C-alpha atoms as a PDB file:
ATOM      1  CA  MET A   1     -99.606  49.730 -24.299  1.00  0.00           C
ATOM      2  CA  THR A   2     -98.363  46.517 -25.117  1.00  0.00           C
ATOM      3  CA  TRP A   3    -100.735  43.703 -26.069  1.00  0.00           C
ATOM      4  CA  ASN A   4    -100.384  39.712 -25.364  1.00  0.00           C
ATOM      5  CA  LEU A   5    -100.615  37.960 -28.493  1.00  0.00           C
ATOM      6  CA  GLU A   6    -100.398  34.531 -29.879  1.00  0.00           C
ATOM      7  CA  LEU A   7    -100.087  34.604 -33.037  1.00  0.00           C
ATOM      8  CA  GLY A   8     -97.718  31.654 -33.772  1.00  0.00           C
ATOM      9  CA  GLY A   9     -98.779  29.301 -36.253  1.00  0.00           C
ATOM     10  CA  HIS A  10    -100.738  32.302 -38.250  1.00  0.00           C
ATOM     11  CA  THR A  11     -99.598  33.983 -41.600  1.00  0.00           C
ATOM     12  CA  ALA A  12    -100.192  37.526 -42.297  1.00  0.00           C
ATOM     13  CA  VAL A  13    -100.371  39.323 -45.416  1.00  0.00           C
ATOM     14  CA  ILE A  14    -100.064  43.221 -45.064  1.00  0.00           C
ATOM     15  CA  THR A  15    -100.514  45.245 -48.353  1.00  0.00           C
ATOM     16  CA  GLY A  16     -98.013  48.497 -48.817  1.00  0.00           C
ATOM     17  CA  GLY A  17     -96.136  46.270 -46.103  1.00  0.00           C
ATOM     18  CA  THR A  18     -92.520  47.709 -47.296  1.00  0.00           C
ATOM     19  CA  ARG A  19     -92.555  50.794 -45.431  1.00  0.00           C
ATOM     20  CA  ASN A  20     -93.979  53.403 -42.943  1.00  0.00           C
ATOM     21  CA  ILE A  21     -97.034  52.392 -41.144  1.00  0.00           C
ATOM     22  CA  GLY A  22     -97.106  48.974 -42.920  1.00  0.00           C
ATOM     23  CA  LEU A  23     -93.799  47.750 -42.575  1.00  0.00           C
ATOM     24  CA  ALA A  24     -94.299  48.541 -38.543  1.00  0.00           C
ATOM     25  CA  ILE A  25     -97.551  46.187 -38.172  1.00  0.00           C
ATOM     26  CA  ALA A  26     -95.457  43.685 -40.206  1.00  0.00           C
ATOM     27  CA  LYS A  27     -92.709  43.872 -37.645  1.00  0.00           C
ATOM     28  CA  GLY A  28     -95.273  44.009 -34.503  1.00  0.00           C
ATOM     29  CA  LEU A  29     -97.108  40.707 -36.561  1.00  0.00           C
ATOM     30  CA  GLN A  30     -93.613  38.871 -36.589  1.00  0.00           C
ATOM     31  CA  HIS A  31     -92.555  39.981 -32.756  1.00  0.00           C
ATOM     32  CA  HIS A  32     -96.034  38.291 -31.652  1.00  0.00           C
ATOM     33  CA  GLY A  33     -95.171  35.097 -33.833  1.00  0.00           C
ATOM     34  CA  ALA A  34     -97.068  35.803 -37.154  1.00  0.00           C
ATOM     35  CA  ALA A  35     -95.145  34.648 -40.427  1.00  0.00           C
ATOM     36  CA  VAL A  36     -95.503  37.775 -42.436  1.00  0.00           C
ATOM     37  CA  CYS A  37     -95.331  38.100 -46.054  1.00  0.00           C
ATOM     38  CA  ILE A  38     -95.200  41.930 -47.146  1.00  0.00           C
ATOM     39  CA  VAL A  39     -97.085  43.380 -50.441  1.00  0.00           C
ATOM     40  CA  GLY A  40     -95.026  46.345 -52.249  1.00  0.00           C
ATOM     41  CA  GLY A  41     -96.107  48.017 -55.381  1.00  0.00           C
ATOM     42  CA  SER A  42     -93.592  48.548 -57.670  1.00  0.00           C
ATOM     43  CA  ASP A  43     -90.387  49.920 -55.777  1.00  0.00           C
ATOM     44  CA  SER A  44     -88.182  46.725 -55.553  1.00  0.00           C
ATOM     45  CA  SER A  45     -85.648  48.422 -53.487  1.00  0.00           C
ATOM     46  CA  ALA A  46     -87.946  49.340 -50.716  1.00  0.00           C
ATOM     47  CA  LEU A  47     -88.933  45.829 -50.447  1.00  0.00           C
ATOM     48  CA  GLY A  48     -85.555  44.517 -50.389  1.00  0.00           C
ATOM     49  CA  ARG A  49     -84.722  47.228 -47.829  1.00  0.00           C
ATOM     50  CA  ALA A  50     -88.167  46.285 -45.358  1.00  0.00           C
ATOM     51  CA  LEU A  51     -87.155  42.222 -45.859  1.00  0.00           C
ATOM     52  CA  ALA A  52     -84.001  43.215 -44.257  1.00  0.00           C
ATOM     53  CA  GLU A  53     -85.247  44.713 -41.433  1.00  0.00           C
ATOM     54  CA  LEU A  54     -87.597  41.793 -40.914  1.00  0.00           C
ATOM     55  CA  GLY A  55     -84.480  39.778 -40.796  1.00  0.00           C
ATOM     56  CA  GLY A  56     -84.588  38.301 -44.428  1.00  0.00           C
ATOM     57  CA  GLU A  57     -86.573  36.285 -46.422  1.00  0.00           C
ATOM     58  CA  GLY A  58     -86.963  32.676 -44.826  1.00  0.00           C
ATOM     59  CA  ALA A  59     -89.265  30.448 -42.913  1.00  0.00           C
ATOM     60  CA  ALA A  60     -91.854  33.212 -41.378  1.00  0.00           C
ATOM     61  CA  VAL A  61     -91.127  36.295 -43.822  1.00  0.00           C
ATOM     62  CA  THR A  62     -91.485  36.585 -47.571  1.00  0.00           C
ATOM     63  CA  GLY A  63     -92.019  39.335 -49.751  1.00  0.00           C
ATOM     64  CA  LEU A  64     -93.374  40.454 -53.222  1.00  0.00           C
ATOM     65  CA  LEU A  65     -94.197  43.057 -55.480  1.00  0.00           C
ATOM     66  CA  ALA A  66     -97.926  43.183 -57.011  1.00  0.00           C
ATOM     67  CA  SER A  67    -100.727  45.339 -58.356  1.00  0.00           C
ATOM     68  CA  VAL A  68    -103.715  45.149 -55.670  1.00  0.00           C
ATOM     69  CA  ASP A  69    -106.108  46.307 -58.223  1.00  0.00           C
ATOM     70  CA  ASP A  70    -105.513  42.960 -60.557  1.00  0.00           C
ATOM     71  CA  GLU A  71    -107.245  40.052 -59.686  1.00  0.00           C
ATOM     72  CA  HIS A  72    -104.561  37.739 -61.138  1.00  0.00           C
ATOM     73  CA  ASP A  73    -101.622  39.459 -58.866  1.00  0.00           C
ATOM     74  CA  VAL A  74    -103.930  39.557 -55.877  1.00  0.00           C
ATOM     75  CA  ALA A  75    -104.337  35.329 -56.557  1.00  0.00           C
ATOM     76  CA  ARG A  76    -100.370  35.246 -56.650  1.00  0.00           C
ATOM     77  CA  ILE A  77    -100.009  36.829 -53.131  1.00  0.00           C
ATOM     78  CA  PHE A  78    -101.942  34.358 -51.856  1.00  0.00           C
ATOM     79  CA  ASP A  79    -100.162  31.493 -53.810  1.00  0.00           C
ATOM     80  CA  HIS A  80     -96.903  33.196 -53.091  1.00  0.00           C
ATOM     81  CA  ALA A  81     -97.740  33.685 -49.227  1.00  0.00           C
ATOM     82  CA  GLU A  82     -99.527  29.850 -48.506  1.00  0.00           C
ATOM     83  CA  ALA A  83     -96.493  28.353 -50.341  1.00  0.00           C
ATOM     84  CA  ARG A  84     -93.834  29.933 -48.595  1.00  0.00           C
ATOM     85  CA  LEU A  85     -95.539  30.446 -44.779  1.00  0.00           C
ATOM     86  CA  GLY A  86     -98.947  28.602 -44.685  1.00  0.00           C
ATOM     87  CA  PRO A  87    -102.589  29.506 -45.290  1.00  0.00           C
ATOM     88  CA  VAL A  88    -103.225  33.107 -44.625  1.00  0.00           C
ATOM     89  CA  SER A  89    -105.331  34.274 -41.643  1.00  0.00           C
ATOM     90  CA  ILE A  90    -104.409  37.650 -41.262  1.00  0.00           C
ATOM     91  CA  LEU A  91    -104.800  40.561 -43.681  1.00  0.00           C
ATOM     92  CA  VAL A  92    -104.079  44.214 -43.625  1.00  0.00           C
ATOM     93  CA  ASN A  93    -104.909  46.258 -46.521  1.00  0.00           C
ATOM     94  CA  GLY A  94    -102.822  49.450 -46.654  1.00  0.00           C
ATOM     95  CA  ALA A  95    -101.822  49.647 -50.156  1.00  0.00           C
ATOM     96  CA  ALA A  96    -102.702  53.145 -51.201  1.00  0.00           C
ATOM     97  CA  ASN A  97    -102.602  55.628 -53.751  1.00  0.00           C
ATOM     98  CA  ARG A  98    -102.591  59.509 -52.590  1.00  0.00           C
ATOM     99  CA  PRO A  99    -102.021  62.220 -55.612  1.00  0.00           C
ATOM    100  CA  HIS A 100    -103.371  65.653 -55.110  1.00  0.00           C
ATOM    101  CA  ALA A 101    -105.167  67.168 -57.936  1.00  0.00           C
ATOM    102  CA  PRO A 102    -107.808  69.912 -58.089  1.00  0.00           C
ATOM    103  CA  LEU A 103    -111.398  68.533 -58.923  1.00  0.00           C
ATOM    104  CA  ILE A 104    -112.118  70.646 -61.887  1.00  0.00           C
ATOM    105  CA  GLU A 105    -108.562  69.079 -63.495  1.00  0.00           C
ATOM    106  CA  MET A 106    -109.123  65.491 -62.232  1.00  0.00           C
ATOM    107  CA  THR A 107    -108.777  62.967 -65.030  1.00  0.00           C
ATOM    108  CA  ARG A 108    -110.712  59.725 -65.256  1.00  0.00           C
ATOM    109  CA  ALA A 109    -107.388  57.853 -64.832  1.00  0.00           C
ATOM    110  CA  GLN A 110    -106.116  59.772 -61.742  1.00  0.00           C
ATOM    111  CA  TRP A 111    -109.422  59.137 -60.197  1.00  0.00           C
ATOM    112  CA  GLN A 112    -109.898  55.070 -61.534  1.00  0.00           C
ATOM    113  CA  LYS A 113    -106.413  54.465 -60.429  1.00  0.00           C
ATOM    114  CA  VAL A 114    -107.308  55.498 -56.727  1.00  0.00           C
ATOM    115  CA  ILE A 115    -110.163  53.794 -56.467  1.00  0.00           C
ATOM    116  CA  ASP A 116    -108.287  50.598 -57.913  1.00  0.00           C
ATOM    117  CA  VAL A 117    -105.851  50.463 -55.256  1.00  0.00           C
ATOM    118  CA  VAL A 118    -107.520  51.843 -52.395  1.00  0.00           C
ATOM    119  CA  LEU A 119    -110.938  50.094 -52.510  1.00  0.00           C
ATOM    120  CA  THR A 120    -111.200  47.743 -55.160  1.00  0.00           C
ATOM    121  CA  GLY A 121    -107.612  46.341 -53.901  1.00  0.00           C
ATOM    122  CA  ALA A 122    -108.898  45.955 -50.659  1.00  0.00           C
ATOM    123  CA  PHE A 123    -112.052  43.887 -51.803  1.00  0.00           C
ATOM    124  CA  LEU A 124    -109.921  41.758 -54.063  1.00  0.00           C
ATOM    125  CA  THR A 125    -107.410  40.786 -50.824  1.00  0.00           C
ATOM    126  CA  SER A 126    -110.754  40.095 -48.649  1.00  0.00           C
ATOM    127  CA  GLN A 127    -112.330  37.942 -51.201  1.00  0.00           C
ATOM    128  CA  GLN A 128    -108.834  35.655 -51.649  1.00  0.00           C
ATOM    129  CA  LEU A 129    -108.751  35.812 -47.614  1.00  0.00           C
ATOM    130  CA  PHE A 130    -112.736  34.452 -47.386  1.00  0.00           C
ATOM    131  CA  ARG A 131    -112.192  32.041 -50.325  1.00  0.00           C
ATOM    132  CA  ARG A 132    -108.838  30.431 -48.982  1.00  0.00           C
ATOM    133  CA  LEU A 133    -109.373  30.257 -45.400  1.00  0.00           C
ATOM    134  CA  PRO A 134    -109.161  27.008 -43.810  1.00  0.00           C
ATOM    135  CA  GLU A 135    -112.719  26.066 -42.150  1.00  0.00           C
ATOM    136  CA  ASP A 136    -111.390  25.026 -38.997  1.00  0.00           C
ATOM    137  CA  ARG A 137    -109.878  28.524 -38.760  1.00  0.00           C
ATOM    138  CA  ARG A 138    -110.932  32.112 -37.953  1.00  0.00           C
ATOM    139  CA  GLY A 139    -109.553  35.158 -39.607  1.00  0.00           C
ATOM    140  CA  ALA A 140    -109.033  38.719 -39.102  1.00  0.00           C
ATOM    141  CA  ILE A 141    -109.006  41.831 -41.782  1.00  0.00           C
ATOM    142  CA  VAL A 142    -107.618  45.267 -40.527  1.00  0.00           C
ATOM    143  CA  ASN A 143    -108.278  48.072 -43.208  1.00  0.00           C
ATOM    144  CA  LEU A 144    -106.316  51.142 -43.006  1.00  0.00           C
ATOM    145  CA  GLY A 145    -108.681  54.392 -43.755  1.00  0.00           C
ATOM    146  CA  GLY A 146    -107.634  57.756 -44.015  1.00  0.00           C
ATOM    147  CA  LEU A 147    -108.740  60.836 -42.104  1.00  0.00           C
ATOM    148  CA  GLY A 148    -109.615  62.524 -44.979  1.00  0.00           C
ATOM    149  CA  ALA A 149    -112.757  60.667 -45.220  1.00  0.00           C
ATOM    150  CA  HIS A 150    -113.877  62.457 -41.778  1.00  0.00           C
ATOM    151  CA  ARG A 151    -111.989  65.717 -42.262  1.00  0.00           C
ATOM    152  CA  PRO A 152    -112.325  66.077 -46.050  1.00  0.00           C
ATOM    153  CA  LYS A 153    -109.445  68.244 -47.465  1.00  0.00           C
ATOM    154  CA  ILE A 154    -109.517  69.771 -51.383  1.00  0.00           C
ATOM    155  CA  GLU A 155    -107.515  68.222 -54.066  1.00  0.00           C
ATOM    156  CA  ARG A 156    -108.581  64.707 -53.053  1.00  0.00           C
ATOM    157  CA  PRO A 157    -111.914  63.785 -53.752  1.00  0.00           C
ATOM    158  CA  HIS A 158    -110.821  60.291 -55.302  1.00  0.00           C
ATOM    159  CA  VAL A 159    -108.687  59.262 -51.700  1.00  0.00           C
ATOM    160  CA  ILE A 160    -111.813  60.895 -49.917  1.00  0.00           C
ATOM    161  CA  ALA A 161    -114.142  58.658 -51.921  1.00  0.00           C
ATOM    162  CA  ALA A 162    -111.673  55.608 -51.738  1.00  0.00           C
ATOM    163  CA  LYS A 163    -110.979  55.606 -48.138  1.00  0.00           C
ATOM    164  CA  SER A 164    -115.240  56.468 -47.674  1.00  0.00           C
ATOM    165  CA  GLY A 165    -115.850  53.330 -49.472  1.00  0.00           C
ATOM    166  CA  LEU A 166    -113.339  51.571 -47.718  1.00  0.00           C
ATOM    167  CA  VAL A 167    -115.355  52.065 -44.263  1.00  0.00           C
ATOM    168  CA  GLY A 168    -118.293  50.940 -45.819  1.00  0.00           C
ATOM    169  CA  LEU A 169    -116.701  47.995 -47.096  1.00  0.00           C
ATOM    170  CA  THR A 170    -115.321  47.006 -43.383  1.00  0.00           C
ATOM    171  CA  ARG A 171    -118.894  47.161 -42.505  1.00  0.00           C
ATOM    172  CA  ALA A 172    -119.552  44.523 -45.213  1.00  0.00           C
ATOM    173  CA  LEU A 173    -116.714  42.249 -44.751  1.00  0.00           C
ATOM    174  CA  ALA A 174    -117.740  41.993 -40.964  1.00  0.00           C
ATOM    175  CA  GLU A 175    -121.450  40.927 -41.579  1.00  0.00           C
ATOM    176  CA  GLU A 176    -120.340  38.690 -44.307  1.00  0.00           C
ATOM    177  CA  GLY A 177    -117.790  37.112 -41.439  1.00  0.00           C
ATOM    178  CA  ILE A 178    -119.440  37.030 -38.529  1.00  0.00           C
ATOM    179  CA  GLY A 179    -118.447  33.579 -35.902  1.00  0.00           C
ATOM    180  CA  ARG A 180    -115.506  33.443 -38.222  1.00  0.00           C
ATOM    181  CA  VAL A 181    -113.832  36.809 -40.325  1.00  0.00           C
ATOM    182  CA  ARG A 182    -113.853  39.739 -38.261  1.00  0.00           C
ATOM    183  CA  ALA A 183    -113.480  43.387 -40.264  1.00  0.00           C
ATOM    184  CA  ASN A 184    -111.933  46.186 -38.804  1.00  0.00           C
ATOM    185  CA  CYS A 185    -110.996  49.784 -40.097  1.00  0.00           C
ATOM    186  CA  VAL A 186    -107.846  51.693 -38.461  1.00  0.00           C
ATOM    187  CA  VAL A 187    -107.854  55.489 -39.467  1.00  0.00           C
ATOM    188  CA  PRO A 188    -104.728  57.178 -39.368  1.00  0.00           C
ATOM    189  CA  GLY A 189    -104.168  60.871 -38.095  1.00  0.00           C
ATOM    190  CA  THR A 190    -101.243  63.210 -38.905  1.00  0.00           C
ATOM    191  CA  ILE A 191     -98.832  60.539 -38.981  1.00  0.00           C
ATOM    192  CA  GLU A 192     -94.795  61.057 -39.414  1.00  0.00           C
ATOM    193  CA  THR A 193     -93.421  58.916 -42.264  1.00  0.00           C
ATOM    194  CA  GLU A 194     -90.649  58.453 -44.862  1.00  0.00           C
ATOM    195  CA  ARG A 195     -91.920  60.578 -47.654  1.00  0.00           C
ATOM    196  CA  LYS A 196     -90.753  60.833 -51.603  1.00  0.00           C
ATOM    197  CA  PRO A 197     -88.356  62.954 -52.442  1.00  0.00           C
ATOM    198  CA  GLY A 198     -89.292  67.179 -52.229  1.00  0.00           C
ATOM    199  CA  GLN A 199     -91.982  66.098 -49.909  1.00  0.00           C
ATOM    200  CA  SER A 200     -91.588  66.986 -46.370  1.00  0.00           C
ATOM    201  CA  ASN A 201     -93.489  65.678 -42.714  1.00  0.00           C
ATOM    202  CA  PRO A 202     -96.016  68.127 -41.331  1.00  0.00           C
ATOM    203  CA  THR A 203     -94.760  69.654 -38.243  1.00  0.00           C
ATOM    204  CA  ALA A 204     -96.849  70.215 -35.297  1.00  0.00           C
ATOM    205  CA  SER A 205     -97.459  73.964 -35.931  1.00  0.00           C
ATOM    206  CA  GLU A 206     -98.632  73.077 -39.538  1.00  0.00           C
ATOM    207  CA  GLN A 207    -101.387  70.745 -38.064  1.00  0.00           C
ATOM    208  CA  GLY A 208    -102.516  73.032 -35.177  1.00  0.00           C
ATOM    209  CA  GLY A 209     -99.858  73.506 -32.923  1.00  0.00           C
ATOM    210  CA  ALA A 210    -100.806  71.981 -29.914  1.00  0.00           C
ATOM    211  CA  ARG A 211    -102.324  68.455 -31.286  1.00  0.00           C
ATOM    212  CA  PRO A 212     -99.129  65.949 -31.750  1.00  0.00           C
ATOM    213  CA  VAL A 213     -97.829  64.275 -34.976  1.00  0.00           C
ATOM    214  CA  GLY A 214     -98.099  60.751 -34.504  1.00  0.00           C
ATOM    215  CA  THR A 215     -95.623  57.687 -35.693  1.00  0.00           C
ATOM    216  CA  SER A 216     -96.063  54.520 -37.446  1.00  0.00           C
ATOM    217  CA  GLU A 217     -95.832  52.411 -34.330  1.00  0.00           C
ATOM    218  CA  ASP A 218     -98.447  54.579 -32.560  1.00  0.00           C
ATOM    219  CA  VAL A 219    -100.894  53.046 -35.431  1.00  0.00           C
ATOM    220  CA  ALA A 220     -99.333  49.642 -35.209  1.00  0.00           C
ATOM    221  CA  ARG A 221    -100.251  49.534 -31.490  1.00  0.00           C
ATOM    222  CA  MET A 222    -103.668  49.320 -32.431  1.00  0.00           C
ATOM    223  CA  VAL A 223    -103.664  47.347 -35.206  1.00  0.00           C
ATOM    224  CA  LEU A 224    -102.346  44.562 -33.631  1.00  0.00           C
ATOM    225  CA  PRO A 225    -105.047  43.153 -31.506  1.00  0.00           C
ATOM    226  CA  LEU A 226    -107.977  44.177 -34.130  1.00  0.00           C
ATOM    227  CA  ALA A 227    -105.308  41.379 -36.388  1.00  0.00           C
ATOM    228  CA  ASP A 228    -105.571  38.595 -33.577  1.00  0.00           C
ATOM    229  CA  PRO A 229    -107.833  35.923 -35.104  1.00  0.00           C
ATOM    230  CA  HIS A 230    -108.150  34.461 -31.882  1.00  0.00           C
ATOM    231  CA  ASP A 231    -110.569  37.535 -30.857  1.00  0.00           C
ATOM    232  CA  ASN A 232    -114.309  37.471 -32.441  1.00  0.00           C
ATOM    233  CA  TYR A 233    -116.317  39.954 -30.765  1.00  0.00           C
ATOM    234  CA  VAL A 234    -114.730  43.708 -32.065  1.00  0.00           C
ATOM    235  CA  THR A 235    -115.713  43.502 -35.640  1.00  0.00           C
ATOM    236  CA  GLY A 236    -117.437  45.739 -38.273  1.00  0.00           C
ATOM    237  CA  GLN A 237    -115.853  48.947 -36.314  1.00  0.00           C
ATOM    238  CA  THR A 238    -113.626  52.111 -37.225  1.00  0.00           C
ATOM    239  CA  ILE A 239    -111.296  53.401 -34.918  1.00  0.00           C
ATOM    240  CA  HIS A 240    -109.209  56.220 -35.409  1.00  0.00           C
ATOM    241  CA  VAL A 241    -105.753  57.342 -33.943  1.00  0.00           C
ATOM    242  CA  ASN A 242    -104.854  60.381 -34.538  1.00  0.00           C
ATOM    243  CA  GLY A 243    -103.745  62.507 -31.242  1.00  0.00           C
ATOM    244  CA  GLY A 244    -107.664  64.069 -30.825  1.00  0.00           C
ATOM    245  CA  ARG A 245    -107.732  65.765 -34.501  1.00  0.00           C
ATOM    246  CA  TYR A 246    -110.774  64.311 -35.225  1.00  0.00           C
ATOM    247  CA  MET A 247    -113.396  63.212 -32.586  1.00  0.00           C
ATOM    248  CA  PRO A 248    -116.610  61.334 -34.061  1.00  0.00           C
END
């Protein structure tokens, strides 16, 4: 499906935007005319590669490393984007931390870090968009959820709790933003992505055989219309992109 979007004049911040789904979304927004600011956590090499794929730092592309769970760093993200690209009207919250650990062995620090990055990070970035959005503009927020919040697995209580909270936060943001900022949550299924050393992508057989493994572009195609500030009617929704793995 191809969307006919006109995003010229809009600036988008994409956290977790240096690889995989986040980068695919950044490319899609750029294709439709938006200026994009991609945000990574600590991997400067990944940031450099992503900027190169977007055509390099310039008048319509920028990027930085920042900690989304730190309110001063989040303010710095928006300062950076505004100074180089203009006021932010599109926000995609894709930053995540997904370590696995059995419940009985999980430390408080492991639990808290995931909650801070996934849930508190989305709160802080959304708060900045609400505060800074010019009065004469509309905005859009898309939060990237997790299938585990709807089909839980073992060794991920922190991730499941954080992604479940993201669904509730999305609804709260939608209610706060009625008529001005719409907010939706897109939940990817099993996606073939760039993995860390030692990690492999899931195969179709591992995931049940008949159901396909998706791509980052599959998710991006759903995110793009939801990130359009011109639309104002679809808000507060959780939308699944999973090849039929979960059907609410």
